[in-house]
């Protein structure tokens, strides 16, 4: 299991907790987190 697999649930938990206080901030954090994981090296399999 990679470190990315261990960290991502914690990040999404934080954004869920932020959603209880501020929905737009939570959406921004979700988008930022998704983009971060999409752009990490190794996120696209090599041919």
Protein backbone atom coordinates (compact mmCIF):
# COMPACT_ATOMS: atom_id res chain seq x y z
CA UNK A 1 0.00 0.00 0.00
CA UNK A 2 1.44 3.35 -0.98
CA UNK A 3 1.67 6.39 1.24
CA UNK A 4 -0.77 8.13 -1.11
CA UNK A 5 -3.35 5.43 -0.38
CA UNK A 6 -2.98 6.02 3.34
CA UNK A 7 -3.10 9.82 3.19
CA UNK A 8 -6.06 10.30 0.86
CA UNK A 9 -8.80 9.10 3.26
CA UNK A 10 -7.47 11.46 5.93
CA UNK A 11 -7.54 14.40 3.52
CA UNK A 12 -11.10 13.65 2.45
CA UNK A 13 -12.11 13.30 6.13
CA UNK A 14 -10.72 16.77 6.77
CA UNK A 15 -12.72 18.16 3.85
CA UNK A 16 -15.85 16.46 5.18
CA UNK A 17 -15.31 18.09 8.57
CA UNK A 18 -14.75 21.45 6.89
CA UNK A 19 -18.07 20.94 5.07
CA UNK A 20 -19.84 21.05 8.41
CA UNK A 21 -18.58 24.60 8.85
CA UNK A 22 -18.18 26.00 5.33
CA UNK A 23 -19.48 24.22 2.22
CA UNK A 24 -17.68 26.33 -0.42
CA UNK A 25 -14.36 25.87 1.37
CA UNK A 26 -14.96 22.12 1.47
CA UNK A 27 -15.65 22.03 -2.27
CA UNK A 28 -12.45 23.97 -2.92
CA UNK A 29 -10.45 21.57 -0.73
CA UNK A 30 -12.02 18.55 -2.45
CA UNK A 31 -11.13 19.92 -5.87
CA UNK A 32 -7.60 20.78 -4.77
CA UNK A 33 -7.10 17.34 -3.26
CA UNK A 34 -8.43 15.59 -6.36
CA UNK A 35 -6.18 17.63 -8.65
CA UNK A 36 -3.19 16.98 -6.40
CA UNK A 37 -3.68 13.22 -6.57
CA UNK A 38 -4.39 13.31 -10.30
CA UNK A 39 -1.15 15.16 -11.02
CA UNK A 40 1.16 13.15 -8.76
CA UNK A 41 3.86 11.20 -10.55
CA UNK A 42 2.83 7.60 -10.94
CA UNK A 43 -0.88 8.38 -11.06
CA UNK A 44 -0.96 7.53 -14.77
CA UNK A 45 0.14 3.99 -15.60
CA UNK A 46 2.98 3.65 -18.06
CA UNK A 47 2.45 1.84 -21.33
